[in-house]
Amino acid sequence: MTDSISAIDFVMKNGIPCRVQPCVEPNTRHTAEFLKKQIEIGFQHMSARSRISRFATAMDHLTEQQLDYLTDLDGKDRVAWCATVTPDGEEQGIGIARYINLPDEADMAEFAITVVDDYQGQGVGYQLLRKLIQSASQNGFKILRGYILMTNTPMLALCKRFESRRSMVDGPFVIVDILVE
């Protein structure tokens, strides 16, 4: 098993242990249905500001169609990594990083990261993005592209840590490319 498909454990800046693992894993309880439930719970722990930063709107719930889209993973062209903590021994999702291959762009995938409010700024996004880049590399992608609101300065700063390039502005979004090695 290569590092890009292996779970990692780390300690967040606040001292709480965290695990980053593939969101859907065969022969485990991490099914698409389990992931949907974790996303719904995590979404409820996001402030309106965080929802706007991630989804560009202050919606109050995700539709079944959106949940299906977010959990439609194949391990190559559609990949997701989840961050979890286990307070009281019960696994709780606190973040997700996902990419999807862009149509007509064989070597490029669009990525997005979400971390629930209570765990932002703790190193979760960094670890999620690191694993996402490793998966993209293993799967033959050259570029991860993110559409990030100009006001989402923490996400822009995170991308800069991975030597991203800002390719252009598209309305309220900055298009950020991370070269995959």
N, C-alpha and C. Protein backbone atom coordinates (compact mmCIF):
# COMPACT_ATOMS: atom_id res chain seq x y z
N MET A 1 0.84 -1.18 0.00
CA MET A 1 0.00 0.00 0.00
C MET A 1 0.88 1.24 0.00
N THR A 2 0.63 2.15 -0.91
CA THR A 2 1.45 3.35 -0.99
C THR A 2 0.98 4.38 0.02
N ASP A 3 1.83 5.35 0.31
CA ASP A 3 1.50 6.37 1.29
C ASP A 3 0.25 7.14 0.90
N SER A 4 0.02 7.36 -0.40
CA SER A 4 -1.11 8.19 -0.81
C SER A 4 -2.44 7.51 -0.56
N ILE A 5 -2.45 6.18 -0.36
CA ILE A 5 -3.72 5.54 -0.06
C ILE A 5 -3.78 5.06 1.38
N SER A 6 -2.79 5.40 2.17
CA SER A 6 -2.75 5.02 3.58
C SER A 6 -3.27 6.15 4.45
N ALA A 7 -3.97 5.77 5.50
CA ALA A 7 -4.41 6.75 6.48
C ALA A 7 -3.18 7.30 7.22
N ILE A 8 -3.30 8.51 7.70
CA ILE A 8 -2.25 9.10 8.54
C ILE A 8 -2.89 9.61 9.83
N ASP A 9 -2.15 9.55 10.90
CA ASP A 9 -2.56 10.10 12.18
C ASP A 9 -1.62 11.25 12.51
N PHE A 10 -2.18 12.32 13.03
CA PHE A 10 -1.36 13.45 13.46
C PHE A 10 -2.06 14.14 14.61
N VAL A 11 -1.34 15.01 15.28
CA VAL A 11 -1.90 15.77 16.39
C VAL A 11 -2.09 17.21 15.91
N MET A 12 -3.32 17.69 16.04
CA MET A 12 -3.62 19.06 15.62
C MET A 12 -2.94 20.06 16.56
N LYS A 13 -2.89 21.30 16.14
CA LYS A 13 -2.27 22.35 16.94
C LYS A 13 -2.91 22.48 18.32
N ASN A 14 -4.19 22.10 18.44
CA ASN A 14 -4.89 22.19 19.72
C ASN A 14 -4.65 20.96 20.60
N GLY A 15 -3.79 20.02 20.13
CA GLY A 15 -3.44 18.84 20.91
C GLY A 15 -4.36 17.63 20.71
N ILE A 16 -5.39 17.75 19.90
CA ILE A 16 -6.34 16.67 19.67
C ILE A 16 -5.83 15.78 18.53
N PRO A 17 -5.82 14.45 18.75
CA PRO A 17 -5.42 13.54 17.67
C PRO A 17 -6.44 13.56 16.53
N CYS A 18 -5.94 13.43 15.32
CA CYS A 18 -6.78 13.45 14.12
C CYS A 18 -6.29 12.37 13.17
N ARG A 19 -7.21 11.82 12.40
CA ARG A 19 -6.88 10.82 11.37
C ARG A 19 -7.35 11.34 10.03
N VAL A 20 -6.50 11.21 9.01
CA VAL A 20 -6.87 11.52 7.63
C VAL A 20 -6.83 10.20 6.88
N GLN A 21 -7.94 9.87 6.23
CA GLN A 21 -8.08 8.57 5.57
C GLN A 21 -8.95 8.72 4.34
N PRO A 22 -8.89 7.74 3.44
CA PRO A 22 -9.82 7.77 2.31
C PRO A 22 -11.25 7.80 2.85
N CYS A 23 -12.11 8.58 2.24
CA CYS A 23 -13.48 8.73 2.75
C CYS A 23 -14.30 7.47 2.59
N VAL A 24 -14.10 6.76 1.50
CA VAL A 24 -14.83 5.52 1.26
C VAL A 24 -13.80 4.42 1.09
N GLU A 25 -13.90 3.41 1.93
CA GLU A 25 -12.95 2.30 1.90
C GLU A 25 -13.71 0.98 1.84
N PRO A 26 -13.38 0.14 0.86
CA PRO A 26 -14.03 -1.16 0.78
C PRO A 26 -13.78 -1.97 2.06
N ASN A 27 -14.74 -2.79 2.40
CA ASN A 27 -14.65 -3.70 3.55
C ASN A 27 -14.52 -2.99 4.89
N THR A 28 -14.99 -1.73 4.97
CA THR A 28 -15.05 -1.01 6.24
C THR A 28 -16.43 -0.38 6.35
N ARG A 29 -16.68 0.27 7.45
CA ARG A 29 -17.95 0.98 7.60
C ARG A 29 -17.96 2.30 6.84
N HIS A 30 -16.83 2.66 6.24
CA HIS A 30 -16.73 3.91 5.48
C HIS A 30 -17.32 3.74 4.08
N THR A 31 -18.62 3.68 4.03
CA THR A 31 -19.35 3.54 2.77
C THR A 31 -19.79 4.92 2.30
N ALA A 32 -20.33 4.99 1.10
CA ALA A 32 -20.87 6.25 0.60
C ALA A 32 -22.00 6.75 1.51
N GLU A 33 -22.82 5.84 2.02
CA GLU A 33 -23.92 6.25 2.92
C GLU A 33 -23.38 6.82 4.23
N PHE A 34 -22.33 6.19 4.78
CA PHE A 34 -21.70 6.70 6.00
C PHE A 34 -21.13 8.08 5.73
N LEU A 35 -20.48 8.26 4.58
CA LEU A 35 -19.90 9.55 4.21
C LEU A 35 -20.99 10.62 4.09
N LYS A 36 -22.10 10.28 3.45
CA LYS A 36 -23.21 11.25 3.34
C LYS A 36 -23.64 11.74 4.71
N LYS A 37 -23.80 10.81 5.64
CA LYS A 37 -24.25 11.17 6.99
C LYS A 37 -23.21 12.08 7.65
N GLN A 38 -21.92 11.74 7.51
CA GLN A 38 -20.86 12.56 8.10
C GLN A 38 -20.84 13.97 7.49
N ILE A 39 -21.05 14.05 6.17
CA ILE A 39 -21.09 15.36 5.51
C ILE A 39 -22.27 16.17 6.02
N GLU A 40 -23.42 15.55 6.16
CA GLU A 40 -24.60 16.27 6.68
C GLU A 40 -24.34 16.80 8.08
N ILE A 41 -23.76 15.97 8.94
CA ILE A 41 -23.46 16.39 10.31
C ILE A 41 -22.44 17.52 10.30
N GLY A 42 -21.37 17.35 9.53
CA GLY A 42 -20.34 18.38 9.45
C GLY A 42 -20.88 19.70 8.93
N PHE A 43 -21.77 19.62 7.94
CA PHE A 43 -22.37 20.82 7.36
C PHE A 43 -23.11 21.62 8.43
N GLN A 44 -23.76 20.92 9.34
CA GLN A 44 -24.49 21.60 10.42
C GLN A 44 -23.55 22.28 11.42
N HIS A 45 -22.27 21.91 11.40
CA HIS A 45 -21.28 22.53 12.29
C HIS A 45 -20.47 23.61 11.58
N MET A 46 -20.98 24.05 10.44
CA MET A 46 -20.33 25.14 9.70
C MET A 46 -21.14 26.41 9.85
N SER A 47 -20.47 27.51 10.10
CA SER A 47 -21.14 28.80 10.18
C SER A 47 -21.57 29.25 8.79
N ALA A 48 -22.43 30.23 8.73
CA ALA A 48 -22.85 30.79 7.44
C ALA A 48 -21.63 31.30 6.68
N ARG A 49 -20.70 31.91 7.39
CA ARG A 49 -19.49 32.42 6.73
C ARG A 49 -18.68 31.27 6.10
N SER A 50 -18.53 30.16 6.82
CA SER A 50 -17.80 29.01 6.27
C SER A 50 -18.53 28.41 5.08
N ARG A 51 -19.84 28.36 5.15
CA ARG A 51 -20.62 27.83 4.03
C ARG A 51 -20.46 28.70 2.79
N ILE A 52 -20.45 30.00 3.00
CA ILE A 52 -20.24 30.91 1.86
C ILE A 52 -18.84 30.73 1.30
N SER A 53 -17.84 30.61 2.18
CA SER A 53 -16.46 30.44 1.72
C SER A 53 -16.30 29.18 0.89
N ARG A 54 -17.01 28.12 1.25
CA ARG A 54 -16.86 26.84 0.54
C ARG A 54 -17.81 26.71 -0.64
N PHE A 55 -19.08 27.11 -0.46
CA PHE A 55 -20.09 26.86 -1.49
C PHE A 55 -20.54 28.12 -2.22
N ALA A 56 -19.99 29.27 -1.85
CA ALA A 56 -20.31 30.57 -2.45
C ALA A 56 -21.77 30.97 -2.24
N THR A 57 -22.41 30.37 -1.26
CA THR A 57 -23.77 30.73 -0.89
C THR A 57 -24.02 30.29 0.55
N ALA A 58 -24.97 30.93 1.20
CA ALA A 58 -25.25 30.61 2.61
C ALA A 58 -26.41 29.62 2.73
N MET A 59 -26.35 28.54 1.96
CA MET A 59 -27.44 27.57 2.02
C MET A 59 -27.50 26.93 3.41
N ASP A 60 -28.69 26.45 3.77
CA ASP A 60 -28.86 25.89 5.11
C ASP A 60 -28.81 24.36 5.14
N HIS A 61 -28.74 23.72 3.97
CA HIS A 61 -28.62 22.26 3.91
C HIS A 61 -28.13 21.85 2.52
N LEU A 62 -27.65 20.64 2.44
CA LEU A 62 -27.25 20.08 1.15
C LEU A 62 -28.39 19.20 0.64
N THR A 63 -28.63 19.26 -0.66
CA THR A 63 -29.69 18.44 -1.24
C THR A 63 -29.18 17.01 -1.41
N GLU A 64 -30.09 16.09 -1.61
CA GLU A 64 -29.71 14.70 -1.87
C GLU A 64 -28.83 14.61 -3.12
N GLN A 65 -29.15 15.43 -4.13
CA GLN A 65 -28.34 15.44 -5.36
C GLN A 65 -26.92 15.92 -5.07
N GLN A 66 -26.77 16.96 -4.25
CA GLN A 66 -25.43 17.44 -3.88
C GLN A 66 -24.66 16.38 -3.09
N LEU A 67 -25.33 15.71 -2.17
CA LEU A 67 -24.68 14.65 -1.40
C LEU A 67 -24.25 13.49 -2.30
N ASP A 68 -25.10 13.14 -3.26
CA ASP A 68 -24.73 12.09 -4.22
C ASP A 68 -23.49 12.49 -4.99
N TYR A 69 -23.44 13.74 -5.44
CA TYR A 69 -22.29 14.24 -6.19
C TYR A 69 -21.02 14.19 -5.34
N LEU A 70 -21.12 14.64 -4.09
CA LEU A 70 -19.96 14.70 -3.21
C LEU A 70 -19.44 13.32 -2.82
N THR A 71 -20.30 12.32 -2.86
CA THR A 71 -19.90 10.98 -2.44
C THR A 71 -19.73 10.01 -3.60
N ASP A 72 -19.82 10.50 -4.83
CA ASP A 72 -19.60 9.66 -6.00
C ASP A 72 -18.09 9.60 -6.26
N LEU A 73 -17.45 8.60 -5.69
CA LEU A 73 -16.00 8.48 -5.72
C LEU A 73 -15.60 7.21 -6.46
N ASP A 74 -14.49 7.27 -7.20
CA ASP A 74 -14.01 6.07 -7.89
C ASP A 74 -12.54 5.76 -7.58
N GLY A 75 -11.89 6.59 -6.77
CA GLY A 75 -10.50 6.32 -6.39
C GLY A 75 -9.46 6.79 -7.40
N LYS A 76 -9.89 7.31 -8.54
CA LYS A 76 -8.95 7.80 -9.55
C LYS A 76 -9.34 9.18 -10.04
N ASP A 77 -10.49 9.29 -10.72
CA ASP A 77 -10.94 10.57 -11.26
C ASP A 77 -11.76 11.38 -10.26
N ARG A 78 -12.28 10.72 -9.24
CA ARG A 78 -13.06 11.36 -8.18
C ARG A 78 -12.59 10.77 -6.85
N VAL A 79 -11.79 11.56 -6.13
CA VAL A 79 -11.14 11.10 -4.91
C VAL A 79 -11.48 12.03 -3.75
N ALA A 80 -11.63 11.45 -2.56
CA ALA A 80 -11.86 12.28 -1.37
C ALA A 80 -11.12 11.69 -0.18
N TRP A 81 -10.58 12.58 0.64
CA TRP A 81 -9.93 12.24 1.91
C TRP A 81 -10.72 12.89 3.02
N CYS A 82 -10.91 12.18 4.12
CA CYS A 82 -11.66 12.70 5.26
C CYS A 82 -10.78 12.82 6.49
N ALA A 83 -11.04 13.84 7.28
CA ALA A 83 -10.36 14.01 8.56
C ALA A 83 -11.38 13.71 9.65
N THR A 84 -10.96 12.90 10.61
CA THR A 84 -11.86 12.53 11.70
C THR A 84 -11.17 12.65 13.05
N VAL A 85 -11.98 12.86 14.06
CA VAL A 85 -11.56 12.79 15.46
C VAL A 85 -12.47 11.77 16.13
N THR A 86 -12.07 11.30 17.30
CA THR A 86 -12.88 10.30 17.99
C THR A 86 -13.14 10.70 19.44
N PRO A 87 -13.89 11.79 19.64
CA PRO A 87 -14.23 12.14 21.03
C PRO A 87 -15.16 11.07 21.60
N ASP A 88 -14.93 10.66 22.79
CA ASP A 88 -15.75 9.64 23.45
C ASP A 88 -15.80 8.34 22.65
N GLY A 89 -14.74 8.08 21.86
CA GLY A 89 -14.66 6.84 21.12
C GLY A 89 -15.53 6.75 19.88
N GLU A 90 -16.27 7.80 19.56
CA GLU A 90 -17.16 7.81 18.39
C GLU A 90 -16.54 8.65 17.29
N GLU A 91 -16.32 8.04 16.13
CA GLU A 91 -15.71 8.74 15.00
C GLU A 91 -16.60 9.89 14.53
N GLN A 92 -15.96 11.05 14.35
CA GLN A 92 -16.69 12.26 13.93
C GLN A 92 -15.90 12.93 12.81
N GLY A 93 -16.53 13.15 11.67
CA GLY A 93 -15.88 13.83 10.56
C GLY A 93 -15.75 15.31 10.83
N ILE A 94 -14.55 15.85 10.53
CA ILE A 94 -14.33 17.27 10.76
C ILE A 94 -13.83 17.98 9.51
N GLY A 95 -13.52 17.23 8.45
CA GLY A 95 -13.03 17.86 7.23
C GLY A 95 -13.00 16.89 6.08
N ILE A 96 -13.04 17.46 4.88
CA ILE A 96 -12.98 16.64 3.67
C ILE A 96 -12.25 17.43 2.58
N ALA A 97 -11.44 16.72 1.82
CA ALA A 97 -10.78 17.29 0.64
C ALA A 97 -11.12 16.37 -0.51
N ARG A 98 -11.47 16.97 -1.64
CA ARG A 98 -11.97 16.18 -2.75
C ARG A 98 -11.46 16.75 -4.06
N TYR A 99 -11.19 15.89 -5.03
CA TYR A 99 -10.95 16.37 -6.38
C TYR A 99 -11.78 15.57 -7.36
N ILE A 100 -12.03 16.19 -8.50
CA ILE A 100 -12.75 15.55 -9.60
C ILE A 100 -12.06 15.95 -10.90
N ASN A 101 -11.83 14.95 -11.75
CA ASN A 101 -11.20 15.20 -13.05
C ASN A 101 -12.07 16.16 -13.85
N LEU A 102 -11.46 17.16 -14.43
CA LEU A 102 -12.20 18.12 -15.25
C LEU A 102 -12.44 17.55 -16.65
N PRO A 103 -13.65 17.67 -17.16
CA PRO A 103 -13.91 17.21 -18.53
C PRO A 103 -12.99 17.95 -19.51
N ASP A 104 -12.53 17.26 -20.50
CA ASP A 104 -11.65 17.83 -21.52
C ASP A 104 -10.28 18.24 -20.99
N GLU A 105 -9.92 17.83 -19.78
CA GLU A 105 -8.62 18.15 -19.19
C GLU A 105 -8.06 16.89 -18.54
N ALA A 106 -7.45 16.02 -19.32
CA ALA A 106 -7.01 14.71 -18.82
C ALA A 106 -6.04 14.81 -17.65
N ASP A 107 -5.22 15.87 -17.60
CA ASP A 107 -4.20 15.94 -16.55
C ASP A 107 -4.53 16.95 -15.45
N MET A 108 -5.80 17.41 -15.40
CA MET A 108 -6.19 18.42 -14.42
C MET A 108 -7.43 17.98 -13.66
N ALA A 109 -7.45 18.26 -12.35
CA ALA A 109 -8.62 17.97 -11.53
C ALA A 109 -8.94 19.20 -10.69
N GLU A 110 -10.22 19.42 -10.48
CA GLU A 110 -10.67 20.52 -9.62
C GLU A 110 -10.74 20.01 -8.20
N PHE A 111 -10.24 20.82 -7.24
CA PHE A 111 -10.25 20.40 -5.85
C PHE A 111 -11.01 21.38 -4.98
N ALA A 112 -11.44 20.88 -3.82
CA ALA A 112 -12.09 21.70 -2.80
C ALA A 112 -11.81 21.08 -1.45
N ILE A 113 -11.76 21.91 -0.44
CA ILE A 113 -11.52 21.46 0.94
C ILE A 113 -12.52 22.15 1.84
N THR A 114 -13.04 21.38 2.80
CA THR A 114 -13.93 21.92 3.81
C THR A 114 -13.48 21.40 5.17
N VAL A 115 -13.35 22.30 6.13
CA VAL A 115 -13.07 21.93 7.52
C VAL A 115 -14.11 22.65 8.38
N VAL A 116 -14.75 21.90 9.30
CA VAL A 116 -15.77 22.52 10.15
C VAL A 116 -15.12 23.57 11.04
N ASP A 117 -15.91 24.54 11.42
CA ASP A 117 -15.41 25.73 12.10
C ASP A 117 -14.53 25.45 13.32
N ASP A 118 -14.95 24.53 14.18
CA ASP A 118 -14.21 24.30 15.42
C ASP A 118 -12.80 23.78 15.20
N TYR A 119 -12.49 23.31 13.99
CA TYR A 119 -11.18 22.72 13.73
C TYR A 119 -10.39 23.48 12.67
N GLN A 120 -10.87 24.63 12.26
CA GLN A 120 -10.13 25.44 11.29
C GLN A 120 -8.89 26.02 11.98
N GLY A 121 -7.82 26.14 11.22
CA GLY A 121 -6.58 26.70 11.75
C GLY A 121 -5.78 25.73 12.60
N GLN A 122 -6.12 24.43 12.56
CA GLN A 122 -5.45 23.43 13.39
C GLN A 122 -4.53 22.50 12.60
N GLY A 123 -4.36 22.77 11.29
CA GLY A 123 -3.50 21.93 10.46
C GLY A 123 -4.25 20.85 9.69
N VAL A 124 -5.56 20.80 9.84
CA VAL A 124 -6.38 19.77 9.17
C VAL A 124 -6.38 19.99 7.66
N GLY A 125 -6.63 21.21 7.23
CA GLY A 125 -6.65 21.51 5.80
C GLY A 125 -5.32 21.19 5.14
N TYR A 126 -4.23 21.48 5.82
CA TYR A 126 -2.90 21.19 5.28
C TYR A 126 -2.74 19.68 5.05
N GLN A 127 -3.08 18.89 6.05
CA GLN A 127 -2.92 17.43 5.92
C GLN A 127 -3.85 16.87 4.84
N LEU A 128 -5.07 17.38 4.76
CA LEU A 128 -6.00 16.93 3.73
C LEU A 128 -5.48 17.25 2.34
N LEU A 129 -5.01 18.47 2.15
CA LEU A 129 -4.50 18.87 0.84
C LEU A 129 -3.25 18.08 0.47
N ARG A 130 -2.41 17.83 1.43
CA ARG A 130 -1.20 17.04 1.18
C ARG A 130 -1.56 15.64 0.66
N LYS A 131 -2.52 14.99 1.29
CA LYS A 131 -2.94 13.65 0.85
C LYS A 131 -3.63 13.72 -0.51
N LEU A 132 -4.40 14.77 -0.75
CA LEU A 132 -5.07 14.92 -2.03
C LEU A 132 -4.05 15.07 -3.16
N ILE A 133 -3.00 15.84 -2.92
CA ILE A 133 -1.94 16.02 -3.91
C ILE A 133 -1.25 14.68 -4.18
N GLN A 134 -0.97 13.92 -3.13
CA GLN A 134 -0.35 12.61 -3.32
C GLN A 134 -1.22 11.69 -4.17
N SER A 135 -2.53 11.69 -3.91
CA SER A 135 -3.44 10.86 -4.70
C SER A 135 -3.47 11.33 -6.15
N ALA A 136 -3.53 12.63 -6.35
CA ALA A 136 -3.55 13.16 -7.72
C ALA A 136 -2.29 12.76 -8.47
N SER A 137 -1.15 12.83 -7.80
CA SER A 137 0.10 12.42 -8.43
C SER A 137 0.07 10.94 -8.80
N GLN A 138 -0.35 10.12 -7.88
CA GLN A 138 -0.42 8.68 -8.12
C GLN A 138 -1.35 8.37 -9.29
N ASN A 139 -2.40 9.17 -9.45
CA ASN A 139 -3.38 8.92 -10.50
C ASN A 139 -3.08 9.66 -11.81
N GLY A 140 -1.89 10.26 -11.91
CA GLY A 140 -1.43 10.82 -13.17
C GLY A 140 -1.85 12.25 -13.47
N PHE A 141 -2.38 12.96 -12.48
CA PHE A 141 -2.75 14.36 -12.72
C PHE A 141 -1.53 15.25 -12.57
N LYS A 142 -1.52 16.35 -13.30
CA LYS A 142 -0.41 17.30 -13.26
C LYS A 142 -0.77 18.56 -12.48
N ILE A 143 -2.07 18.89 -12.46
CA ILE A 143 -2.51 20.14 -11.83
C ILE A 143 -3.79 19.89 -11.04
N LEU A 144 -3.84 20.44 -9.82
CA LEU A 144 -5.08 20.55 -9.07
C LEU A 144 -5.50 22.01 -9.14
N ARG A 145 -6.72 22.24 -9.57
CA ARG A 145 -7.24 23.61 -9.74
C ARG A 145 -8.34 23.86 -8.73
N GLY A 146 -8.25 25.00 -8.05
CA GLY A 146 -9.27 25.40 -7.09
C GLY A 146 -9.88 26.73 -7.48
N TYR A 147 -11.18 26.83 -7.30
CA TYR A 147 -11.91 28.09 -7.50
C TYR A 147 -12.23 28.59 -6.10
N ILE A 148 -11.50 29.62 -5.67
CA ILE A 148 -11.56 30.06 -4.29
C ILE A 148 -12.04 31.50 -4.23
N LEU A 149 -13.03 31.75 -3.36
CA LEU A 149 -13.51 33.12 -3.20
C LEU A 149 -12.36 34.02 -2.77
N MET A 150 -12.29 35.21 -3.35
CA MET A 150 -11.21 36.16 -3.01
C MET A 150 -11.19 36.47 -1.53
N THR A 151 -12.36 36.37 -0.88
CA THR A 151 -12.44 36.69 0.55
C THR A 151 -12.01 35.53 1.44
N ASN A 152 -11.74 34.37 0.86
CA ASN A 152 -11.35 33.19 1.65
C ASN A 152 -9.82 33.19 1.81
N THR A 153 -9.33 34.15 2.57
CA THR A 153 -7.88 34.30 2.72
C THR A 153 -7.20 33.11 3.39
N PRO A 154 -7.83 32.41 4.35
CA PRO A 154 -7.15 31.23 4.90
C PRO A 154 -6.91 30.15 3.84
N MET A 155 -7.86 29.94 2.96
CA MET A 155 -7.68 28.92 1.92
C MET A 155 -6.62 29.37 0.90
N LEU A 156 -6.63 30.63 0.55
CA LEU A 156 -5.60 31.15 -0.36
C LEU A 156 -4.21 31.01 0.26
N ALA A 157 -4.11 31.26 1.57
CA ALA A 157 -2.82 31.11 2.26
C ALA A 157 -2.39 29.64 2.29
N LEU A 158 -3.35 28.73 2.50
CA LEU A 158 -3.03 27.30 2.49
C LEU A 158 -2.48 26.89 1.13
N CYS A 159 -3.13 27.33 0.07
CA CYS A 159 -2.68 26.98 -1.28
C CYS A 159 -1.27 27.53 -1.54
N LYS A 160 -1.02 28.71 -1.03
CA LYS A 160 0.31 29.31 -1.21
C LYS A 160 1.39 28.45 -0.55
N ARG A 161 1.07 27.77 0.55
CA ARG A 161 2.04 26.88 1.21
C ARG A 161 2.43 25.72 0.29
N PHE A 162 1.57 25.41 -0.68
CA PHE A 162 1.86 24.35 -1.65
C PHE A 162 2.32 24.94 -2.98
N GLU A 163 2.85 26.18 -2.92
CA GLU A 163 3.43 26.87 -4.07
C GLU A 163 2.45 26.97 -5.24
N SER A 164 1.22 27.30 -4.91
CA SER A 164 0.19 27.44 -5.94
C SER A 164 0.46 28.66 -6.81
N ARG A 165 -0.14 28.63 -7.98
CA ARG A 165 -0.11 29.78 -8.89
C ARG A 165 -1.54 30.27 -9.05
N ARG A 166 -1.68 31.58 -8.99
CA ARG A 166 -2.98 32.17 -9.29
C ARG A 166 -3.01 32.40 -10.78
N SER A 167 -3.92 31.69 -11.46
CA SER A 167 -3.92 31.79 -12.91
C SER A 167 -4.80 32.93 -13.42
N MET A 168 -5.90 33.23 -12.71
CA MET A 168 -6.77 34.32 -13.14
C MET A 168 -7.87 34.54 -12.11
N VAL A 169 -8.63 35.57 -12.34
CA VAL A 169 -9.80 35.86 -11.52
C VAL A 169 -11.02 35.62 -12.39
N ASP A 170 -12.01 34.93 -11.81
CA ASP A 170 -13.26 34.63 -12.50
C ASP A 170 -14.38 35.11 -11.60
N GLY A 171 -14.83 36.35 -11.83
CA GLY A 171 -15.86 36.93 -10.96
C GLY A 171 -15.30 37.08 -9.55
N PRO A 172 -16.01 36.55 -8.54
CA PRO A 172 -15.52 36.66 -7.16
C PRO A 172 -14.47 35.60 -6.80
N PHE A 173 -14.10 34.75 -7.75
CA PHE A 173 -13.19 33.64 -7.49
C PHE A 173 -11.80 33.91 -8.02
N VAL A 174 -10.82 33.43 -7.27
CA VAL A 174 -9.44 33.36 -7.73
C VAL A 174 -9.24 31.91 -8.17
N ILE A 175 -8.71 31.72 -9.36
CA ILE A 175 -8.41 30.37 -9.82
C ILE A 175 -6.97 30.07 -9.44
N VAL A 176 -6.81 29.01 -8.65
CA VAL A 176 -5.52 28.64 -8.10
C VAL A 176 -5.13 27.27 -8.64
N ASP A 177 -3.92 27.18 -9.17
CA ASP A 177 -3.39 25.91 -9.66
C ASP A 177 -2.24 25.45 -8.76
N ILE A 178 -2.31 24.18 -8.35
CA ILE A 178 -1.22 23.56 -7.60
C ILE A 178 -0.62 22.50 -8.50
N LEU A 179 0.67 22.65 -8.76
CA LEU A 179 1.36 21.65 -9.59
C LEU A 179 1.55 20.38 -8.78
N VAL A 180 1.20 19.27 -9.38
CA VAL A 180 1.29 17.96 -8.73
C VAL A 180 2.59 17.33 -9.22
N GLU A 181 3.40 16.88 -8.30
CA GLU A 181 4.69 16.29 -8.69
C GLU A 181 4.60 14.79 -8.75
